[in-house]
Each structure stands twice: as structure tokens, then as C-alpha cells.
Amino acid sequence: MRVWGAGKNSRALQADLLSKAVLPWGCATDSSYPCPKDVRTVIDYALTHGWEPGLTGGTFFLSESEHASAFELADFLLTDRLRDEGAPDPTTRVFRAFDENASAAAGGPP
């Protein structure tokens, strides 16, 4: 997801999101897209963590390595895998998030 707060020449916000959906064949790309509420949450978090949209040029990345421990959406995780092929495989995090959501939905401990 990329957001420009002050036009195309402003500093972009980039958050590479991975769906938490677990499909019958495992963790894979599905057809999930962030909704406006997700976009607002990403923007609010980025603004409180250093994104200055009015600056000219460059990109502010919400990276997994810097932000994943403090930031997560209900249906998406941050991933660095799209920009860095050496980044950790997010499959374990997706399965853990799926299990936590399933447990919470069933009324059990996360």
C-alpha cells in the first residue's frame, strides 16, 4: 500500500501488507485488500512514528523489522519480503495470527 499525503511529489508512505488468511493449501496470496479503515489505521500509525507527508520526495517504509512488533491490522501483517528477498518468511507469523484469531473467536485464550 502506498499513500501520498501532499501529492505525487511528497514523501510517500509504503506498507507492504500480507493477508492473515490461511487457505486450504496453506499460507498463500488471496484476494484480500485493505479497506478504508485499514488505510486510516496505517496512516495514523505512520504519522505518530515519523512519516512527514509534506516533505518532498522519498518514501517512509513501515517495515516488518522496525514496526511489526508494535503494529498489526486485524486482517494483515507487515512484511519486508516484497522489498528484501532475504527477509524472514512470514508464513509462521500468518499461521500464528490465524490461530490467535480462531482462538479468540471461539472464546479461548489467544
PDB file of N, CA and C in Angstrom:
ATOM      1  N   MET A   1       0.849  -1.150   0.000  1.00  0.00           N
ATOM      2  CA  MET A   1       0.000   0.000   0.000  1.00  0.00           C
ATOM      3  C   MET A   1       0.905   1.226   0.000  1.00  0.00           C
ATOM      4  N   ARG A   2       0.587   2.187  -0.876  1.00  0.00           N
ATOM      5  CA  ARG A   2       1.325   3.447  -0.919  1.00  0.00           C
ATOM      6  C   ARG A   2       0.339   4.593  -0.791  1.00  0.00           C
ATOM      7  N   VAL A   3       0.744   5.584  -0.007  1.00  0.00           N
ATOM      8  CA  VAL A   3      -0.094   6.750   0.242  1.00  0.00           C
ATOM      9  C   VAL A   3       0.774   7.987   0.086  1.00  0.00           C
ATOM     10  N   TRP A   4       0.245   8.990  -0.605  1.00  0.00           N
ATOM     11  CA  TRP A   4       0.892  10.294  -0.688  1.00  0.00           C
ATOM     12  C   TRP A   4      -0.024  11.273   0.017  1.00  0.00           C
ATOM     13  N   GLY A   5       0.500  11.995   0.986  1.00  0.00           N
ATOM     14  CA  GLY A   5      -0.334  12.912   1.754  1.00  0.00           C
ATOM     15  C   GLY A   5      -0.405  14.311   1.193  1.00  0.00           C
ATOM     16  N   ALA A   6       0.503  14.657   0.290  1.00  0.00           N
ATOM     17  CA  ALA A   6       0.534  16.023  -0.248  1.00  0.00           C
ATOM     18  C   ALA A   6       0.879  16.004  -1.732  1.00  0.00           C
ATOM     19  N   GLY A   7       0.323  15.080  -2.470  1.00  0.00           N
ATOM     20  CA  GLY A   7       0.567  14.991  -3.905  1.00  0.00           C
ATOM     21  C   GLY A   7       1.691  14.027  -4.253  1.00  0.00           C
ATOM     22  N   LYS A   8       1.840  13.747  -5.543  1.00  0.00           N
ATOM     23  CA  LYS A   8       2.792  12.740  -6.017  1.00  0.00           C
ATOM     24  C   LYS A   8       4.257  13.086  -5.777  1.00  0.00           C
ATOM     25  N   ASN A   9       4.577  14.345  -5.508  1.00  0.00           N
ATOM     26  CA  ASN A   9       5.963  14.707  -5.229  1.00  0.00           C
ATOM     27  C   ASN A   9       6.287  14.678  -3.743  1.00  0.00           C
ATOM     28  N   SER A  10       5.286  14.401  -2.916  1.00  0.00           N
ATOM     29  CA  SER A  10       5.504  14.381  -1.472  1.00  0.00           C
ATOM     30  C   SER A  10       6.116  13.046  -1.040  1.00  0.00           C
ATOM     31  N   ARG A  11       6.525  12.983   0.201  1.00  0.00           N
ATOM     32  CA  ARG A  11       7.090  11.744   0.739  1.00  0.00           C
ATOM     33  C   ARG A  11       5.985  10.698   0.824  1.00  0.00           C
ATOM     34  N   ALA A  12       6.189   9.589   0.158  1.00  0.00           N
ATOM     35  CA  ALA A  12       5.201   8.506   0.146  1.00  0.00           C
ATOM     36  C   ALA A  12       5.309   7.684   1.421  1.00  0.00           C
ATOM     37  N   LEU A  13       4.207   7.087   1.780  1.00  0.00           N
ATOM     38  CA  LEU A  13       4.149   6.093   2.865  1.00  0.00           C
ATOM     39  C   LEU A  13       3.963   4.747   2.194  1.00  0.00           C
ATOM     40  N   GLN A  14       4.795   3.775   2.539  1.00  0.00           N
ATOM     41  CA  GLN A  14       4.646   2.432   1.989  1.00  0.00           C
ATOM     42  C   GLN A  14       4.560   1.419   3.115  1.00  0.00           C
ATOM     43  N   ALA A  15       3.545   0.587   3.041  1.00  0.00           N
ATOM     44  CA  ALA A  15       3.375  -0.522   3.972  1.00  0.00           C
ATOM     45  C   ALA A  15       3.053  -1.756   3.134  1.00  0.00           C
ATOM     46  N   ASP A  16       3.954  -2.732   3.136  1.00  0.00           N
ATOM     47  CA  ASP A  16       3.712  -3.975   2.409  1.00  0.00           C
ATOM     48  C   ASP A  16       2.934  -4.895   3.331  1.00  0.00           C
ATOM     49  N   LEU A  17       1.698  -5.173   2.935  1.00  0.00           N
ATOM     50  CA  LEU A  17       0.784  -5.936   3.773  1.00  0.00           C
ATOM     51  C   LEU A  17       0.589  -7.346   3.237  1.00  0.00           C
ATOM     52  N   LEU A  18       0.486  -8.283   4.151  1.00  0.00           N
ATOM     53  CA  LEU A  18       0.242  -9.684   3.811  1.00  0.00           C
ATOM     54  C   LEU A  18      -1.015 -10.129   4.537  1.00  0.00           C
ATOM     55  N   SER A  19      -1.939 -10.720   3.808  1.00  0.00           N
ATOM     56  CA  SER A  19      -3.181 -11.198   4.398  1.00  0.00           C
ATOM     57  C   SER A  19      -2.911 -12.291   5.425  1.00  0.00           C
ATOM     58  N   LYS A  20      -3.698 -12.286   6.492  1.00  0.00           N
ATOM     59  CA  LYS A  20      -3.604 -13.337   7.506  1.00  0.00           C
ATOM     60  C   LYS A  20      -4.436 -14.559   7.137  1.00  0.00           C
ATOM     61  N   ALA A  21      -5.111 -14.510   6.002  1.00  0.00           N
ATOM     62  CA  ALA A  21      -5.955 -15.634   5.601  1.00  0.00           C
ATOM     63  C   ALA A  21      -5.115 -16.886   5.401  1.00  0.00           C
ATOM     64  N   VAL A  22      -5.616 -17.994   5.880  1.00  0.00           N
ATOM     65  CA  VAL A  22      -4.976 -19.285   5.659  1.00  0.00           C
ATOM     66  C   VAL A  22      -5.928 -20.088   4.789  1.00  0.00           C
ATOM     67  N   LEU A  23      -5.449 -20.460   3.630  1.00  0.00           N
ATOM     68  CA  LEU A  23      -6.261 -21.186   2.667  1.00  0.00           C
ATOM     69  C   LEU A  23      -6.046 -22.686   2.845  1.00  0.00           C
ATOM     70  N   PRO A  24      -6.914 -23.508   2.270  1.00  0.00           N
ATOM     71  CA  PRO A  24      -6.781 -24.959   2.461  1.00  0.00           C
ATOM     72  C   PRO A  24      -5.399 -25.519   2.115  1.00  0.00           C
ATOM     73  N   TRP A  25      -4.696 -24.884   1.204  1.00  0.00           N
ATOM     74  CA  TRP A  25      -3.384 -25.381   0.799  1.00  0.00           C
ATOM     75  C   TRP A  25      -2.259 -24.672   1.543  1.00  0.00           C
ATOM     76  N   GLY A  26      -2.609 -23.873   2.546  1.00  0.00           N
ATOM     77  CA  GLY A  26      -1.590 -23.213   3.367  1.00  0.00           C
ATOM     78  C   GLY A  26      -1.645 -21.708   3.243  1.00  0.00           C
ATOM     79  N   CYS A  27      -0.554 -21.084   3.559  1.00  0.00           N
ATOM     80  CA  CYS A  27      -0.443 -19.633   3.513  1.00  0.00           C
ATOM     81  C   CYS A  27      -0.125 -19.223   2.086  1.00  0.00           C
ATOM     82  N   ALA A  28      -0.988 -18.443   1.497  1.00  0.00           N
ATOM     83  CA  ALA A  28      -0.768 -18.030   0.112  1.00  0.00           C
ATOM     84  C   ALA A  28      -1.478 -16.715  -0.141  1.00  0.00           C
ATOM     85  N   THR A  29      -1.177 -16.114  -1.257  1.00  0.00           N
ATOM     86  CA  THR A  29      -1.840 -14.882  -1.633  1.00  0.00           C
ATOM     87  C   THR A  29      -3.311 -15.162  -1.887  1.00  0.00           C
ATOM     88  N   ASP A  30      -4.153 -14.353  -1.280  1.00  0.00           N
ATOM     89  CA  ASP A  30      -5.584 -14.486  -1.535  1.00  0.00           C
ATOM     90  C   ASP A  30      -6.059 -13.186  -2.191  1.00  0.00           C
ATOM     91  N   SER A  31      -7.326 -12.947  -2.208  1.00  0.00           N
ATOM     92  CA  SER A  31      -7.848 -11.752  -2.880  1.00  0.00           C
ATOM     93  C   SER A  31      -8.236 -10.663  -1.877  1.00  0.00           C
ATOM     94  N   SER A  32      -7.608 -10.640  -0.721  1.00  0.00           N
ATOM     95  CA  SER A  32      -7.912  -9.640   0.296  1.00  0.00           C
ATOM     96  C   SER A  32      -7.242  -8.309  -0.027  1.00  0.00           C
ATOM     97  N   TYR A  33      -7.967  -7.251   0.233  1.00  0.00           N
ATOM     98  CA  TYR A  33      -7.440  -5.905   0.064  1.00  0.00           C
ATOM     99  C   TYR A  33      -7.773  -5.097   1.314  1.00  0.00           C
ATOM    100  N   PRO A  34      -6.897  -4.174   1.673  1.00  0.00           N
ATOM    101  CA  PRO A  34      -7.208  -3.340   2.831  1.00  0.00           C
ATOM    102  C   PRO A  34      -8.427  -2.457   2.548  1.00  0.00           C
ATOM    103  N   CYS A  35      -9.262  -2.279   3.548  1.00  0.00           N
ATOM    104  CA  CYS A  35     -10.431  -1.415   3.416  1.00  0.00           C
ATOM    105  C   CYS A  35     -10.054  -0.017   3.916  1.00  0.00           C
ATOM    106  N   PRO A  36     -10.910   0.978   3.711  1.00  0.00           N
ATOM    107  CA  PRO A  36     -10.578   2.339   4.152  1.00  0.00           C
ATOM    108  C   PRO A  36     -10.174   2.435   5.629  1.00  0.00           C
ATOM    109  N   LYS A  37     -10.814   1.663   6.477  1.00  0.00           N
ATOM    110  CA  LYS A  37     -10.457   1.662   7.909  1.00  0.00           C
ATOM    111  C   LYS A  37      -8.997   1.210   8.092  1.00  0.00           C
ATOM    112  N   ASP A  38      -8.565   0.206   7.337  1.00  0.00           N
ATOM    113  CA  ASP A  38      -7.176  -0.264   7.402  1.00  0.00           C
ATOM    114  C   ASP A  38      -6.211   0.834   6.950  1.00  0.00           C
ATOM    115  N   VAL A  39      -6.560   1.497   5.857  1.00  0.00           N
ATOM    116  CA  VAL A  39      -5.714   2.569   5.332  1.00  0.00           C
ATOM    117  C   VAL A  39      -5.581   3.684   6.364  1.00  0.00           C
ATOM    118  N   ARG A  40      -6.682   4.059   6.996  1.00  0.00           N
ATOM    119  CA  ARG A  40      -6.661   5.101   8.028  1.00  0.00           C
ATOM    120  C   ARG A  40      -5.782   4.681   9.198  1.00  0.00           C
ATOM    121  N   THR A  41      -5.875   3.434   9.601  1.00  0.00           N
ATOM    122  CA  THR A  41      -5.064   2.927  10.716  1.00  0.00           C
ATOM    123  C   THR A  41      -3.581   2.981  10.376  1.00  0.00           C
ATOM    124  N   VAL A  42      -3.225   2.586   9.154  1.00  0.00           N
ATOM    125  CA  VAL A  42      -1.826   2.642   8.714  1.00  0.00           C
ATOM    126  C   VAL A  42      -1.340   4.092   8.718  1.00  0.00           C
ATOM    127  N   ILE A  43      -2.141   5.002   8.190  1.00  0.00           N
ATOM    128  CA  ILE A  43      -1.754   6.414   8.136  1.00  0.00           C
ATOM    129  C   ILE A  43      -1.569   6.979   9.542  1.00  0.00           C
ATOM    130  N   ASP A  44      -2.520   6.721  10.419  1.00  0.00           N
ATOM    131  CA  ASP A  44      -2.420   7.231  11.790  1.00  0.00           C
ATOM    132  C   ASP A  44      -1.157   6.713  12.484  1.00  0.00           C
ATOM    133  N   TYR A  45      -0.880   5.430  12.326  1.00  0.00           N
ATOM    134  CA  TYR A  45       0.313   4.850  12.936  1.00  0.00           C
ATOM    135  C   TYR A  45       1.569   5.502  12.357  1.00  0.00           C
ATOM    136  N   ALA A  46       1.626   5.638  11.047  1.00  0.00           N
ATOM    137  CA  ALA A  46       2.810   6.208  10.395  1.00  0.00           C
ATOM    138  C   ALA A  46       3.040   7.654  10.831  1.00  0.00           C
ATOM    139  N   LEU A  47       1.975   8.419  10.939  1.00  0.00           N
ATOM    140  CA  LEU A  47       2.111   9.815  11.361  1.00  0.00           C
ATOM    141  C   LEU A  47       2.684   9.919  12.767  1.00  0.00           C
ATOM    142  N   THR A  48       2.316   8.997  13.641  1.00  0.00           N
ATOM    143  CA  THR A  48       2.839   9.041  15.015  1.00  0.00           C
ATOM    144  C   THR A  48       4.219   8.397  15.132  1.00  0.00           C
ATOM    145  N   HIS A  49       4.713   7.824  14.035  1.00  0.00           N
ATOM    146  CA  HIS A  49       6.028   7.162  14.067  1.00  0.00           C
ATOM    147  C   HIS A  49       7.005   7.734  13.040  1.00  0.00           C
ATOM    148  N   GLY A  50       6.792   9.008  12.666  1.00  0.00           N
ATOM    149  CA  GLY A  50       7.808   9.686  11.888  1.00  0.00           C
ATOM    150  C   GLY A  50       7.511  10.023  10.447  1.00  0.00           C
ATOM    151  N   TRP A  51       6.396   9.574   9.887  1.00  0.00           N
ATOM    152  CA  TRP A  51       6.097   9.931   8.498  1.00  0.00           C
ATOM    153  C   TRP A  51       5.731  11.408   8.431  1.00  0.00           C
ATOM    154  N   GLU A  52       6.400  12.129   7.561  1.00  0.00           N
ATOM    155  CA  GLU A  52       6.111  13.540   7.327  1.00  0.00           C
ATOM    156  C   GLU A  52       5.691  13.702   5.872  1.00  0.00           C
ATOM    157  N   PRO A  53       4.390  13.597   5.610  1.00  0.00           N
ATOM    158  CA  PRO A  53       3.909  13.589   4.228  1.00  0.00           C
ATOM    159  C   PRO A  53       4.172  14.875   3.467  1.00  0.00           C
ATOM    160  N   GLY A  54       4.381  15.978   4.145  1.00  0.00           N
ATOM    161  CA  GLY A  54       4.604  17.240   3.465  1.00  0.00           C
ATOM    162  C   GLY A  54       6.008  17.411   2.905  1.00  0.00           C
ATOM    163  N   LEU A  55       6.938  16.554   3.311  1.00  0.00           N
ATOM    164  CA  LEU A  55       8.295  16.635   2.780  1.00  0.00           C
ATOM    165  C   LEU A  55       8.302  16.208   1.316  1.00  0.00           C
ATOM    166  N   THR A  56       9.255  16.718   0.572  1.00  0.00           N
ATOM    167  CA  THR A  56       9.352  16.389  -0.852  1.00  0.00           C
ATOM    168  C   THR A  56      10.228  15.154  -1.054  1.00  0.00           C
ATOM    169  N   GLY A  57       9.722  14.215  -1.836  1.00  0.00           N
ATOM    170  CA  GLY A  57      10.487  13.040  -2.245  1.00  0.00           C
ATOM    171  C   GLY A  57      10.696  11.999  -1.163  1.00  0.00           C
ATOM    172  N   GLY A  58      11.153  10.867  -1.618  1.00  0.00           N
ATOM    173  CA  GLY A  58      11.471   9.760  -0.718  1.00  0.00           C
ATOM    174  C   GLY A  58      10.256   8.940  -0.320  1.00  0.00           C
ATOM    175  N   THR A  59      10.515   7.910   0.431  1.00  0.00           N
ATOM    176  CA  THR A  59       9.467   7.001   0.898  1.00  0.00           C
ATOM    177  C   THR A  59       9.709   6.672   2.361  1.00  0.00           C
ATOM    178  N   PHE A  60       8.653   6.705   3.143  1.00  0.00           N
ATOM    179  CA  PHE A  60       8.686   6.274   4.530  1.00  0.00           C
ATOM    180  C   PHE A  60       8.128   4.853   4.559  1.00  0.00           C
ATOM    181  N   PHE A  61       8.961   3.896   4.928  1.00  0.00           N
ATOM    182  CA  PHE A  61       8.532   2.495   4.949  1.00  0.00           C
ATOM    183  C   PHE A  61       8.090   2.090   6.346  1.00  0.00           C
ATOM    184  N   LEU A  62       6.936   1.473   6.423  1.00  0.00           N
ATOM    185  CA  LEU A  62       6.550   0.785   7.654  1.00  0.00           C
ATOM    186  C   LEU A  62       7.066  -0.634   7.474  1.00  0.00           C
ATOM    187  N   SER A  63       8.251  -0.876   7.963  1.00  0.00           N
ATOM    188  CA  SER A  63       8.875  -2.171   7.735  1.00  0.00           C
ATOM    189  C   SER A  63       8.528  -3.165   8.829  1.00  0.00           C
ATOM    190  N   GLU A  64       8.534  -4.414   8.447  1.00  0.00           N
ATOM    191  CA  GLU A  64       8.327  -5.505   9.402  1.00  0.00           C
ATOM    192  C   GLU A  64       9.398  -5.466  10.472  1.00  0.00           C
ATOM    193  N   SER A  65      10.650  -5.283  10.064  1.00  0.00           N
ATOM    194  CA  SER A  65      11.756  -5.338  11.020  1.00  0.00           C
ATOM    195  C   SER A  65      11.675  -4.238  12.071  1.00  0.00           C
ATOM    196  N   GLU A  66      11.129  -3.079  11.718  1.00  0.00           N
ATOM    197  CA  GLU A  66      11.052  -1.985  12.675  1.00  0.00           C
ATOM    198  C   GLU A  66       9.699  -1.840  13.356  1.00  0.00           C
ATOM    199  N   HIS A  67       8.616  -2.261  12.705  1.00  0.00           N
ATOM    200  CA  HIS A  67       7.285  -1.928  13.207  1.00  0.00           C
ATOM    201  C   HIS A  67       6.369  -3.115  13.504  1.00  0.00           C
ATOM    202  N   ALA A  68       6.700  -4.306  13.061  1.00  0.00           N
ATOM    203  CA  ALA A  68       5.763  -5.432  13.203  1.00  0.00           C
ATOM    204  C   ALA A  68       5.463  -5.791  14.652  1.00  0.00           C
ATOM    205  N   SER A  69       6.407  -5.582  15.547  1.00  0.00           N
ATOM    206  CA  SER A  69       6.147  -5.936  16.943  1.00  0.00           C
ATOM    207  C   SER A  69       5.135  -4.991  17.591  1.00  0.00           C
ATOM    208  N   ALA A  70       4.966  -3.785  17.049  1.00  0.00           N
ATOM    209  CA  ALA A  70       4.050  -2.809  17.629  1.00  0.00           C
ATOM    210  C   ALA A  70       2.814  -2.552  16.769  1.00  0.00           C
ATOM    211  N   PHE A  71       2.826  -3.023  15.520  1.00  0.00           N
ATOM    212  CA  PHE A  71       1.727  -2.691  14.612  1.00  0.00           C
ATOM    213  C   PHE A  71       1.245  -3.919  13.851  1.00  0.00           C
ATOM    214  N   GLU A  72      -0.067  -4.070  13.835  1.00  0.00           N
ATOM    215  CA  GLU A  72      -0.684  -5.165  13.094  1.00  0.00           C
ATOM    216  C   GLU A  72      -2.138  -4.782  12.842  1.00  0.00           C
ATOM    217  N   LEU A  73      -2.639  -5.101  11.691  1.00  0.00           N
ATOM    218  CA  LEU A  73      -4.049  -4.894  11.374  1.00  0.00           C
ATOM    219  C   LEU A  73      -4.815  -6.178  11.658  1.00  0.00           C
ATOM    220  N   ALA A  74      -6.122  -6.070  11.753  1.00  0.00           N
ATOM    221  CA  ALA A  74      -6.939  -7.247  12.045  1.00  0.00           C
ATOM    222  C   ALA A  74      -6.757  -8.355  11.007  1.00  0.00           C
ATOM    223  N   ASP A  75      -6.612  -7.972   9.736  1.00  0.00           N
ATOM    224  CA  ASP A  75      -6.547  -8.975   8.671  1.00  0.00           C
ATOM    225  C   ASP A  75      -5.224  -9.013   7.915  1.00  0.00           C
ATOM    226  N   PHE A  76      -4.256  -8.185   8.330  1.00  0.00           N
ATOM    227  CA  PHE A  76      -2.995  -8.090   7.597  1.00  0.00           C
ATOM    228  C   PHE A  76      -1.808  -7.951   8.535  1.00  0.00           C
ATOM    229  N   LEU A  77      -0.669  -8.440   8.069  1.00  0.00           N
ATOM    230  CA  LEU A  77       0.616  -8.279   8.741  1.00  0.00           C
ATOM    231  C   LEU A  77       1.528  -7.448   7.852  1.00  0.00           C
ATOM    232  N   LEU A  78       2.474  -6.734   8.462  1.00  0.00           N
ATOM    233  CA  LEU A  78       3.529  -6.088   7.684  1.00  0.00           C
ATOM    234  C   LEU A  78       4.531  -7.146   7.257  1.00  0.00           C
ATOM    235  N   THR A  79       5.067  -7.002   6.065  1.00  0.00           N
ATOM    236  CA  THR A  79       6.104  -7.919   5.606  1.00  0.00           C
ATOM    237  C   THR A  79       7.186  -7.136   4.869  1.00  0.00           C
ATOM    238  N   ASP A  80       8.420  -7.560   5.015  1.00  0.00           N
ATOM    239  CA  ASP A  80       9.536  -6.963   4.287  1.00  0.00           C
ATOM    240  C   ASP A  80       9.885  -7.794   3.057  1.00  0.00           C
ATOM    241  N   ARG A  81       9.199  -8.901   2.861  1.00  0.00           N
ATOM    242  CA  ARG A  81       9.552  -9.864   1.821  1.00  0.00           C
ATOM    243  C   ARG A  81       9.474  -9.290   0.404  1.00  0.00           C
ATOM    244  N   LEU A  82       8.613  -8.302   0.183  1.00  0.00           N
ATOM    245  CA  LEU A  82       8.483  -7.731  -1.161  1.00  0.00           C
ATOM    246  C   LEU A  82       9.688  -6.875  -1.527  1.00  0.00           C
ATOM    247  N   ARG A  83      10.333  -6.263  -0.554  1.00  0.00           N
ATOM    248  CA  ARG A  83      11.484  -5.402  -0.813  1.00  0.00           C
ATOM    249  C   ARG A  83      12.805  -6.101  -0.562  1.00  0.00           C
ATOM    250  N   ASP A  84      12.786  -7.174   0.227  1.00  0.00           N
ATOM    251  CA  ASP A  84      14.016  -7.837   0.632  1.00  0.00           C
ATOM    252  C   ASP A  84      13.805  -9.351   0.603  1.00  0.00           C
ATOM    253  N   GLU A  85      14.321  -9.996  -0.421  1.00  0.00           N
ATOM    254  CA  GLU A  85      14.102 -11.450  -0.543  1.00  0.00           C
ATOM    255  C   GLU A  85      14.774 -12.223   0.581  1.00  0.00           C
ATOM    256  N   GLY A  86      15.693 -11.592   1.301  1.00  0.00           N
ATOM    257  CA  GLY A  86      16.343 -12.230   2.437  1.00  0.00           C
ATOM    258  C   GLY A  86      15.579 -12.056   3.740  1.00  0.00           C
ATOM    259  N   ALA A  87      14.463 -11.304   3.692  1.00  0.00           N
ATOM    260  CA  ALA A  87      13.654 -11.101   4.895  1.00  0.00           C
ATOM    261  C   ALA A  87      13.040 -12.433   5.323  1.00  0.00           C
ATOM    262  N   PRO A  88      12.714 -12.561   6.602  1.00  0.00           N
ATOM    263  CA  PRO A  88      12.136 -13.824   7.079  1.00  0.00           C
ATOM    264  C   PRO A  88      10.850 -14.195   6.349  1.00  0.00           C
ATOM    265  N   ASP A  89      10.666 -15.474   6.145  1.00  0.00           N
ATOM    266  CA  ASP A  89       9.433 -15.990   5.561  1.00  0.00           C
ATOM    267  C   ASP A  89       8.293 -15.702   6.548  1.00  0.00           C
ATOM    268  N   PRO A  90       7.249 -15.011   6.108  1.00  0.00           N
ATOM    269  CA  PRO A  90       6.179 -14.631   7.032  1.00  0.00           C
ATOM    270  C   PRO A  90       5.157 -15.730   7.302  1.00  0.00           C
ATOM    271  N   THR A  91       5.343 -16.903   6.735  1.00  0.00           N
ATOM    272  CA  THR A  91       4.347 -17.966   6.874  1.00  0.00           C
ATOM    273  C   THR A  91       4.045 -18.284   8.340  1.00  0.00           C
ATOM    274  N   THR A  92       5.065 -18.393   9.167  1.00  0.00           N
ATOM    275  CA  THR A  92       4.854 -18.713  10.580  1.00  0.00           C
ATOM    276  C   THR A  92       4.016 -17.640  11.260  1.00  0.00           C
ATOM    277  N   ARG A  93       4.288 -16.382  10.951  1.00  0.00           N
ATOM    278  CA  ARG A  93       3.512 -15.292  11.546  1.00  0.00           C
ATOM    279  C   ARG A  93       2.051 -15.328  11.102  1.00  0.00           C
ATOM    280  N   VAL A  94       1.817 -15.686   9.837  1.00  0.00           N
ATOM    281  CA  VAL A  94       0.444 -15.781   9.342  1.00  0.00           C
ATOM    282  C   VAL A  94      -0.299 -16.907  10.063  1.00  0.00           C
ATOM    283  N   PHE A  95       0.333 -18.072  10.191  1.00  0.00           N
ATOM    284  CA  PHE A  95      -0.321 -19.190  10.890  1.00  0.00           C
ATOM    285  C   PHE A  95      -0.588 -18.856  12.353  1.00  0.00           C
ATOM    286  N   ARG A  96       0.372 -18.192  13.018  1.00  0.00           N
ATOM    287  CA  ARG A  96       0.186 -17.812  14.419  1.00  0.00           C
ATOM    288  C   ARG A  96      -0.979 -16.831  14.550  1.00  0.00           C
ATOM    289  N   ALA A  97      -1.050 -15.827  13.664  1.00  0.00           N
ATOM    290  CA  ALA A  97      -2.146 -14.858  13.698  1.00  0.00           C
ATOM    291  C   ALA A  97      -3.479 -15.537  13.431  1.00  0.00           C
ATOM    292  N   PHE A  98      -3.497 -16.473  12.481  1.00  0.00           N
ATOM    293  CA  PHE A  98      -4.725 -17.206  12.184  1.00  0.00           C
ATOM    294  C   PHE A  98      -5.185 -18.001  13.401  1.00  0.00           C
ATOM    295  N   ASP A  99      -4.247 -18.693  14.057  1.00  0.00           N
ATOM    296  CA  ASP A  99      -4.585 -19.477  15.250  1.00  0.00           C
ATOM    297  C   ASP A  99      -5.093 -18.585  16.381  1.00  0.00           C
ATOM    298  N   GLU A 100      -4.452 -17.430  16.572  1.00  0.00           N
ATOM    299  CA  GLU A 100      -4.891 -16.494  17.607  1.00  0.00           C
ATOM    300  C   GLU A 100      -6.291 -15.962  17.322  1.00  0.00           C
ATOM    301  N   ASN A 101      -6.565 -15.623  16.063  1.00  0.00           N
ATOM    302  CA  ASN A 101      -7.906 -15.145  15.689  1.00  0.00           C
ATOM    303  C   ASN A 101      -8.943 -16.237  15.884  1.00  0.00           C
ATOM    304  N   ALA A 102      -8.619 -17.466  15.504  1.00  0.00           N
ATOM    305  CA  ALA A 102      -9.561 -18.579  15.664  1.00  0.00           C
ATOM    306  C   ALA A 102      -9.845 -18.840  17.140  1.00  0.00           C
ATOM    307  N   SER A 103      -8.812 -18.768  17.961  1.00  0.00           N
ATOM    308  CA  SER A 103      -8.963 -18.989  19.393  1.00  0.00           C
ATOM    309  C   SER A 103      -9.817 -17.891  20.024  1.00  0.00           C
ATOM    310  N   ALA A 104      -9.562 -16.653  19.637  1.00  0.00           N
ATOM    311  CA  ALA A 104     -10.333 -15.522  20.162  1.00  0.00           C
ATOM    312  C   ALA A 104     -11.793 -15.634  19.746  1.00  0.00           C
ATOM    313  N   ALA A 105     -12.048 -16.060  18.496  1.00  0.00           N
ATOM    314  CA  ALA A 105     -13.417 -16.202  18.006  1.00  0.00           C
ATOM    315  C   ALA A 105     -14.147 -17.310  18.759  1.00  0.00           C
ATOM    316  N   ALA A 106     -13.400 -18.317  19.202  1.00  0.00           N
ATOM    317  CA  ALA A 106     -14.005 -19.426  19.938  1.00  0.00           C
ATOM    318  C   ALA A 106     -14.127 -19.117  21.434  1.00  0.00           C
ATOM    319  N   GLY A 107     -13.614 -17.943  21.841  1.00  0.00           N
ATOM    320  CA  GLY A 107     -13.714 -17.551  23.249  1.00  0.00           C
ATOM    321  C   GLY A 107     -12.585 -18.057  24.111  1.00  0.00           C
ATOM    322  N   GLY A 108     -11.543 -18.619  23.506  1.00  0.00           N
ATOM    323  CA  GLY A 108     -10.406 -19.138  24.260  1.00  0.00           C
ATOM    324  C   GLY A 108      -9.306 -18.114  24.401  1.00  0.00           C
ATOM    325  N   PRO A 109      -8.263 -18.479  25.135  1.00  0.00           N
ATOM    326  CA  PRO A 109      -7.141 -17.557  25.270  1.00  0.00           C
ATOM    327  C   PRO A 109      -6.378 -17.453  23.947  1.00  0.00           C
ATOM    328  N   PRO A 110      -5.789 -16.267  23.653  1.00  0.00           N
ATOM    329  CA  PRO A 110      -5.064 -16.097  22.381  1.00  0.00           C
ATOM    330  C   PRO A 110      -3.827 -16.935  22.295  1.00  0.00           C
TER     331      PRO A 110
END
